[in-house]
Amino acid sequence: MVLTINVLIPRLSAVTVAVVTGTEGPPQTHIPLDRDAGLTGYDVSYVNATDLHSIDKSRLRRRPRETRST
């Protein structure tokens, strides 16, 4: 999950990201995200706030959005 705010990304050479996992951890460090967040690998995903990284923007890939039927 990219943590750098969108307006800054074009001006920076690197962005800050957090690891997303399907493994529940301590509630102080693992923030739950349900499927409404657009993550579909698990029923509930968790952002691990202790596993942050700065990566070069060239490593980012745009993931196609899934279309939902209503």
PDB file of N, CA and C in Angstrom:
ATOM      1  N   MET A   1       0.848  -1.152   0.000  1.00  0.00           N
ATOM      2  CA  MET A   1       0.000   0.000   0.000  1.00  0.00           C
ATOM      3  C   MET A   1       0.901   1.223   0.000  1.00  0.00           C
ATOM      4  N   VAL A   2       0.655   2.153  -0.936  1.00  0.00           N
ATOM      5  CA  VAL A   2       1.437   3.381  -1.010  1.00  0.00           C
ATOM      6  C   VAL A   2       0.915   4.362   0.035  1.00  0.00           C
ATOM      7  N   LEU A   3       1.832   4.882   0.849  1.00  0.00           N
ATOM      8  CA  LEU A   3       1.466   5.820   1.902  1.00  0.00           C
ATOM      9  C   LEU A   3       1.730   7.269   1.518  1.00  0.00           C
ATOM     10  N   THR A   4       2.586   7.506   0.540  1.00  0.00           N
ATOM     11  CA  THR A   4       2.887   8.866   0.091  1.00  0.00           C
ATOM     12  C   THR A   4       1.629   9.459  -0.544  1.00  0.00           C
ATOM     13  N   ILE A   5       1.326  10.708  -0.219  1.00  0.00           N
ATOM     14  CA  ILE A   5       0.107  11.312  -0.751  1.00  0.00           C
ATOM     15  C   ILE A   5       0.259  11.566  -2.253  1.00  0.00           C
ATOM     16  N   ASN A   6      -0.834  11.374  -2.985  1.00  0.00           N
ATOM     17  CA  ASN A   6      -0.833  11.428  -4.441  1.00  0.00           C
ATOM     18  C   ASN A   6      -0.240  12.717  -5.000  1.00  0.00           C
ATOM     19  N   VAL A   7      -0.538  13.864  -4.394  1.00  0.00           N
ATOM     20  CA  VAL A   7      -0.077  15.137  -4.935  1.00  0.00           C
ATOM     21  C   VAL A   7       1.451  15.243  -4.920  1.00  0.00           C
ATOM     22  N   LEU A   8       2.114  14.535  -4.029  1.00  0.00           N
ATOM     23  CA  LEU A   8       3.577  14.596  -3.949  1.00  0.00           C
ATOM     24  C   LEU A   8       4.288  13.594  -4.854  1.00  0.00           C
ATOM     25  N   ILE A   9       3.635  12.528  -5.241  1.00  0.00           N
ATOM     26  CA  ILE A   9       4.286  11.449  -5.980  1.00  0.00           C
ATOM     27  C   ILE A   9       5.002  11.951  -7.245  1.00  0.00           C
ATOM     28  N   PRO A  10       4.408  12.822  -8.065  1.00  0.00           N
ATOM     29  CA  PRO A  10       5.131  13.265  -9.266  1.00  0.00           C
ATOM     30  C   PRO A  10       6.431  14.016  -8.960  1.00  0.00           C
ATOM     31  N   ARG A  11       6.552  14.597  -7.809  1.00  0.00           N
ATOM     32  CA  ARG A  11       7.729  15.404  -7.451  1.00  0.00           C
ATOM     33  C   ARG A  11       8.838  14.595  -6.793  1.00  0.00           C
ATOM     34  N   LEU A  12       8.563  13.373  -6.417  1.00  0.00           N
ATOM     35  CA  LEU A  12       9.510  12.563  -5.659  1.00  0.00           C
ATOM     36  C   LEU A  12      10.099  11.450  -6.520  1.00  0.00           C
ATOM     37  N   SER A  13      11.294  10.992  -6.165  1.00  0.00           N
ATOM     38  CA  SER A  13      11.888   9.858  -6.871  1.00  0.00           C
ATOM     39  C   SER A  13      11.527   8.533  -6.206  1.00  0.00           C
ATOM     40  N   ALA A  14      11.074   8.601  -4.946  1.00  0.00           N
ATOM     41  CA  ALA A  14      10.711   7.394  -4.206  1.00  0.00           C
ATOM     42  C   ALA A  14       9.432   7.659  -3.416  1.00  0.00           C
ATOM     43  N   VAL A  15       8.744   6.585  -3.071  1.00  0.00           N
ATOM     44  CA  VAL A  15       7.524   6.685  -2.273  1.00  0.00           C
ATOM     45  C   VAL A  15       7.645   5.749  -1.074  1.00  0.00           C
ATOM     46  N   THR A  16       6.830   6.007  -0.064  1.00  0.00           N
ATOM     47  CA  THR A  16       6.801   5.148   1.116  1.00  0.00           C
ATOM     48  C   THR A  16       5.644   4.173   0.978  1.00  0.00           C
ATOM     49  N   VAL A  17       5.928   2.915   1.224  1.00  0.00           N
ATOM     50  CA  VAL A  17       4.907   1.870   1.128  1.00  0.00           C
ATOM     51  C   VAL A  17       4.875   1.070   2.421  1.00  0.00           C
ATOM     52  N   ALA A  18       3.740   0.439   2.670  1.00  0.00           N
ATOM     53  CA  ALA A  18       3.582  -0.463   3.813  1.00  0.00           C
ATOM     54  C   ALA A  18       3.214  -1.843   3.283  1.00  0.00           C
ATOM     55  N   VAL A  19       3.700  -2.856   3.959  1.00  0.00           N
ATOM     56  CA  VAL A  19       3.397  -4.232   3.584  1.00  0.00           C
ATOM     57  C   VAL A  19       1.956  -4.552   3.967  1.00  0.00           C
ATOM     58  N   VAL A  20       1.237  -5.218   3.043  1.00  0.00           N
ATOM     59  CA  VAL A  20      -0.123  -5.684   3.303  1.00  0.00           C
ATOM     60  C   VAL A  20      -0.072  -7.202   3.385  1.00  0.00           C
ATOM     61  N   THR A  21      -0.704  -7.749   4.402  1.00  0.00           N
ATOM     62  CA  THR A  21      -0.674  -9.189   4.643  1.00  0.00           C
ATOM     63  C   THR A  21      -2.074  -9.704   4.962  1.00  0.00           C
ATOM     64  N   GLY A  22      -2.241 -10.981   4.876  1.00  0.00           N
ATOM     65  CA  GLY A  22      -3.498 -11.606   5.266  1.00  0.00           C
ATOM     66  C   GLY A  22      -3.440 -12.162   6.672  1.00  0.00           C
ATOM     67  N   THR A  23      -2.311 -11.972   7.326  1.00  0.00           N
ATOM     68  CA  THR A  23      -2.110 -12.495   8.675  1.00  0.00           C
ATOM     69  C   THR A  23      -2.395 -11.423   9.710  1.00  0.00           C
ATOM     70  N   GLU A  24      -3.325 -11.719  10.591  1.00  0.00           N
ATOM     71  CA  GLU A  24      -3.651 -10.780  11.662  1.00  0.00           C
ATOM     72  C   GLU A  24      -2.499 -10.700  12.640  1.00  0.00           C
ATOM     73  N   GLY A  25      -2.160  -9.490  13.032  1.00  0.00           N
ATOM     74  CA  GLY A  25      -1.099  -9.286  14.010  1.00  0.00           C
ATOM     75  C   GLY A  25      -1.637  -8.478  15.168  1.00  0.00           C
ATOM     76  N   PRO A  26      -0.751  -7.945  15.969  1.00  0.00           N
ATOM     77  CA  PRO A  26      -1.208  -7.135  17.105  1.00  0.00           C
ATOM     78  C   PRO A  26      -2.026  -5.937  16.609  1.00  0.00           C
ATOM     79  N   PRO A  27      -3.135  -5.629  17.259  1.00  0.00           N
ATOM     80  CA  PRO A  27      -3.979  -4.525  16.797  1.00  0.00           C
ATOM     81  C   PRO A  27      -3.281  -3.169  16.841  1.00  0.00           C
ATOM     82  N   GLN A  28      -2.221  -3.061  17.611  1.00  0.00           N
ATOM     83  CA  GLN A  28      -1.478  -1.792  17.674  1.00  0.00           C
ATOM     84  C   GLN A  28      -0.666  -1.556  16.405  1.00  0.00           C
ATOM     85  N   THR A  29      -0.338  -2.618  15.671  1.00  0.00           N
ATOM     86  CA  THR A  29       0.529  -2.485  14.494  1.00  0.00           C
ATOM     87  C   THR A  29      -0.093  -2.969  13.191  1.00  0.00           C
ATOM     88  N   HIS A  30      -1.160  -3.736  13.244  1.00  0.00           N
ATOM     89  CA  HIS A  30      -1.786  -4.300  12.045  1.00  0.00           C
ATOM     90  C   HIS A  30      -3.186  -3.706  11.879  1.00  0.00           C
ATOM     91  N   ILE A  31      -3.333  -2.845  10.875  1.00  0.00           N
ATOM     92  CA  ILE A  31      -4.601  -2.144  10.645  1.00  0.00           C
ATOM     93  C   ILE A  31      -5.442  -2.965   9.673  1.00  0.00           C
ATOM     94  N   PRO A  32      -6.647  -3.384  10.084  1.00  0.00           N
ATOM     95  CA  PRO A  32      -7.474  -4.222   9.208  1.00  0.00           C
ATOM     96  C   PRO A  32      -8.086  -3.414   8.063  1.00  0.00           C
ATOM     97  N   LEU A  33      -8.138  -4.046   6.891  1.00  0.00           N
ATOM     98  CA  LEU A  33      -8.800  -3.491   5.710  1.00  0.00           C
ATOM     99  C   LEU A  33      -9.718  -4.564   5.159  1.00  0.00           C
ATOM    100  N   ASP A  34     -10.979  -4.234   4.950  1.00  0.00           N
ATOM    101  CA  ASP A  34     -11.877  -5.226   4.375  1.00  0.00           C
ATOM    102  C   ASP A  34     -11.884  -5.091   2.854  1.00  0.00           C
ATOM    103  N   ARG A  35     -12.702  -5.869   2.189  1.00  0.00           N
ATOM    104  CA  ARG A  35     -12.735  -5.880   0.723  1.00  0.00           C
ATOM    105  C   ARG A  35     -13.147  -4.535   0.127  1.00  0.00           C
ATOM    106  N   ASP A  36     -13.811  -3.683   0.903  1.00  0.00           N
ATOM    107  CA  ASP A  36     -14.183  -2.354   0.412  1.00  0.00           C
ATOM    108  C   ASP A  36     -12.957  -1.500   0.097  1.00  0.00           C
ATOM    109  N   ALA A  37     -11.799  -1.864   0.622  1.00  0.00           N
ATOM    110  CA  ALA A  37     -10.557  -1.139   0.337  1.00  0.00           C
ATOM    111  C   ALA A  37      -9.990  -1.514  -1.030  1.00  0.00           C
ATOM    112  N   GLY A  38     -10.636  -2.459  -1.716  1.00  0.00           N
ATOM    113  CA  GLY A  38     -10.189  -2.864  -3.041  1.00  0.00           C
ATOM    114  C   GLY A  38      -9.195  -4.014  -3.033  1.00  0.00           C
ATOM    115  N   LEU A  39      -8.927  -4.574  -1.870  1.00  0.00           N
ATOM    116  CA  LEU A  39      -8.021  -5.717  -1.766  1.00  0.00           C
ATOM    117  C   LEU A  39      -8.847  -6.989  -1.755  1.00  0.00           C
ATOM    118  N   THR A  40      -8.534  -7.916  -2.635  1.00  0.00           N
ATOM    119  CA  THR A  40      -9.387  -9.096  -2.784  1.00  0.00           C
ATOM    120  C   THR A  40      -8.685 -10.418  -2.474  1.00  0.00           C
ATOM    121  N   GLY A  41      -7.437 -10.369  -2.045  1.00  0.00           N
ATOM    122  CA  GLY A  41      -6.701 -11.604  -1.773  1.00  0.00           C
ATOM    123  C   GLY A  41      -7.188 -12.347  -0.547  1.00  0.00           C
ATOM    124  N   TYR A  42      -7.728 -11.601   0.406  1.00  0.00           N
ATOM    125  CA  TYR A  42      -8.197 -12.174   1.669  1.00  0.00           C
ATOM    126  C   TYR A  42      -9.526 -11.521   2.028  1.00  0.00           C
ATOM    127  N   ASP A  43     -10.307 -12.178   2.883  1.00  0.00           N
ATOM    128  CA  ASP A  43     -11.534 -11.542   3.373  1.00  0.00           C
ATOM    129  C   ASP A  43     -11.193 -10.273   4.137  1.00  0.00           C
ATOM    130  N   VAL A  44     -10.135 -10.329   4.949  1.00  0.00           N
ATOM    131  CA  VAL A  44      -9.625  -9.158   5.666  1.00  0.00           C
ATOM    132  C   VAL A  44      -8.120  -9.127   5.440  1.00  0.00           C
ATOM    133  N   SER A  45      -7.610  -7.984   5.007  1.00  0.00           N
ATOM    134  CA  SER A  45      -6.172  -7.773   4.869  1.00  0.00           C
ATOM    135  C   SER A  45      -5.719  -6.847   5.990  1.00  0.00           C
ATOM    136  N   TYR A  46      -4.423  -6.840   6.235  1.00  0.00           N
ATOM    137  CA  TYR A  46      -3.877  -6.017   7.311  1.00  0.00           C
ATOM    138  C   TYR A  46      -2.679  -5.239   6.794  1.00  0.00           C
ATOM    139  N   VAL A  47      -2.653  -3.943   7.068  1.00  0.00           N
ATOM    140  CA  VAL A  47      -1.480  -3.122   6.789  1.00  0.00           C
ATOM    141  C   VAL A  47      -0.573  -3.246   8.005  1.00  0.00           C
ATOM    142  N   ASN A  48       0.645  -3.684   7.778  1.00  0.00           N
ATOM    143  CA  ASN A  48       1.604  -3.834   8.864  1.00  0.00           C
ATOM    144  C   ASN A  48       2.357  -2.512   9.015  1.00  0.00           C
ATOM    145  N   ALA A  49       1.997  -1.733  10.018  1.00  0.00           N
ATOM    146  CA  ALA A  49       2.562  -0.399  10.217  1.00  0.00           C
ATOM    147  C   ALA A  49       4.007  -0.442  10.699  1.00  0.00           C
ATOM    148  N   THR A  50       4.535  -1.616  11.007  1.00  0.00           N
ATOM    149  CA  THR A  50       5.937  -1.716  11.414  1.00  0.00           C
ATOM    150  C   THR A  50       6.839  -2.112  10.257  1.00  0.00           C
ATOM    151  N   ASP A  51       6.257  -2.357   9.083  1.00  0.00           N
ATOM    152  CA  ASP A  51       7.033  -2.813   7.926  1.00  0.00           C
ATOM    153  C   ASP A  51       6.893  -1.800   6.796  1.00  0.00           C
ATOM    154  N   LEU A  52       7.530  -0.624   6.972  1.00  0.00           N
ATOM    155  CA  LEU A  52       7.467   0.468   6.007  1.00  0.00           C
ATOM    156  C   LEU A  52       8.765   0.512   5.206  1.00  0.00           C
ATOM    157  N   HIS A  53       8.640   0.882   3.919  1.00  0.00           N
ATOM    158  CA  HIS A  53       9.808   0.926   3.038  1.00  0.00           C
ATOM    159  C   HIS A  53       9.697   2.120   2.106  1.00  0.00           C
ATOM    160  N   SER A  54      10.838   2.697   1.748  1.00  0.00           N
ATOM    161  CA  SER A  54      10.889   3.679   0.670  1.00  0.00           C
ATOM    162  C   SER A  54      11.380   2.946  -0.561  1.00  0.00           C
ATOM    163  N   ILE A  55      10.629   3.063  -1.648  1.00  0.00           N
ATOM    164  CA  ILE A  55      11.020   2.385  -2.878  1.00  0.00           C
ATOM    165  C   ILE A  55      11.010   3.382  -4.030  1.00  0.00           C
ATOM    166  N   ASP A  56      11.840   3.121  -5.035  1.00  0.00           N
ATOM    167  CA  ASP A  56      11.888   3.947  -6.219  1.00  0.00           C
ATOM    168  C   ASP A  56      10.561   3.832  -6.970  1.00  0.00           C
ATOM    169  N   LYS A  57      10.081   4.949  -7.488  1.00  0.00           N
ATOM    170  CA  LYS A  57       8.789   4.942  -8.196  1.00  0.00           C
ATOM    171  C   LYS A  57       8.783   3.990  -9.386  1.00  0.00           C
ATOM    172  N   SER A  58       9.940   3.721  -9.972  1.00  0.00           N
ATOM    173  CA  SER A  58       9.994   2.820 -11.130  1.00  0.00           C
ATOM    174  C   SER A  58       9.557   1.399 -10.769  1.00  0.00           C
ATOM    175  N   ARG A  59       9.557   1.068  -9.491  1.00  0.00           N
ATOM    176  CA  ARG A  59       9.119  -0.263  -9.055  1.00  0.00           C
ATOM    177  C   ARG A  59       7.612  -0.380  -8.923  1.00  0.00           C
ATOM    178  N   LEU A  60       6.893   0.746  -9.016  1.00  0.00           N
ATOM    179  CA  LEU A  60       5.435   0.721  -8.896  1.00  0.00           C
ATOM    180  C   LEU A  60       4.801   0.261 -10.193  1.00  0.00           C
ATOM    181  N   ARG A  61       3.729  -0.456 -10.071  1.00  0.00           N
ATOM    182  CA  ARG A  61       2.927  -0.892 -11.219  1.00  0.00           C
ATOM    183  C   ARG A  61       1.480  -0.538 -10.922  1.00  0.00           C
ATOM    184  N   ARG A  62       0.785  -0.047 -11.931  1.00  0.00           N
ATOM    185  CA  ARG A  62      -0.633   0.255 -11.756  1.00  0.00           C
ATOM    186  C   ARG A  62      -1.416  -1.037 -11.883  1.00  0.00           C
ATOM    187  N   ARG A  63      -2.225  -1.297 -10.894  1.00  0.00           N
ATOM    188  CA  ARG A  63      -3.068  -2.489 -10.910  1.00  0.00           C
ATOM    189  C   ARG A  63      -4.416  -2.111 -11.500  1.00  0.00           C
ATOM    190  N   PRO A  64      -4.910  -2.884 -12.479  1.00  0.00           N
ATOM    191  CA  PRO A  64      -6.213  -2.570 -13.053  1.00  0.00           C
ATOM    192  C   PRO A  64      -7.316  -2.649 -11.997  1.00  0.00           C
ATOM    193  N   ARG A  65      -8.229  -1.716 -12.054  1.00  0.00           N
ATOM    194  CA  ARG A  65      -9.362  -1.751 -11.108  1.00  0.00           C
ATOM    195  C   ARG A  65     -10.334  -2.831 -11.515  1.00  0.00           C
ATOM    196  N   GLU A  66     -10.848  -3.493 -10.512  1.00  0.00           N
ATOM    197  CA  GLU A  66     -11.872  -4.506 -10.769  1.00  0.00           C
ATOM    198  C   GLU A  66     -13.222  -3.806 -10.877  1.00  0.00           C
ATOM    199  N   THR A  67     -14.045  -4.319 -11.749  1.00  0.00           N
ATOM    200  CA  THR A  67     -15.397  -3.757 -11.850  1.00  0.00           C
ATOM    201  C   THR A  67     -16.328  -4.606 -11.016  1.00  0.00           C
ATOM    202  N   ARG A  68     -17.175  -3.913 -10.290  1.00  0.00           N
ATOM    203  CA  ARG A  68     -18.142  -4.611  -9.433  1.00  0.00           C
ATOM    204  C   ARG A  68     -19.515  -4.562 -10.086  1.00  0.00           C
ATOM    205  N   SER A  69     -20.199  -5.669 -10.019  1.00  0.00           N
ATOM    206  CA  SER A  69     -21.582  -5.664 -10.501  1.00  0.00           C
ATOM    207  C   SER A  69     -22.499  -5.352  -9.329  1.00  0.00           C
ATOM    208  N   THR A  70     -23.512  -4.534  -9.588  1.00  0.00           N
ATOM    209  CA  THR A  70     -24.432  -4.163  -8.499  1.00  0.00           C
ATOM    210  C   THR A  70     -25.782  -4.772  -8.694  1.00  0.00           C
TER     211      THR A  70
END
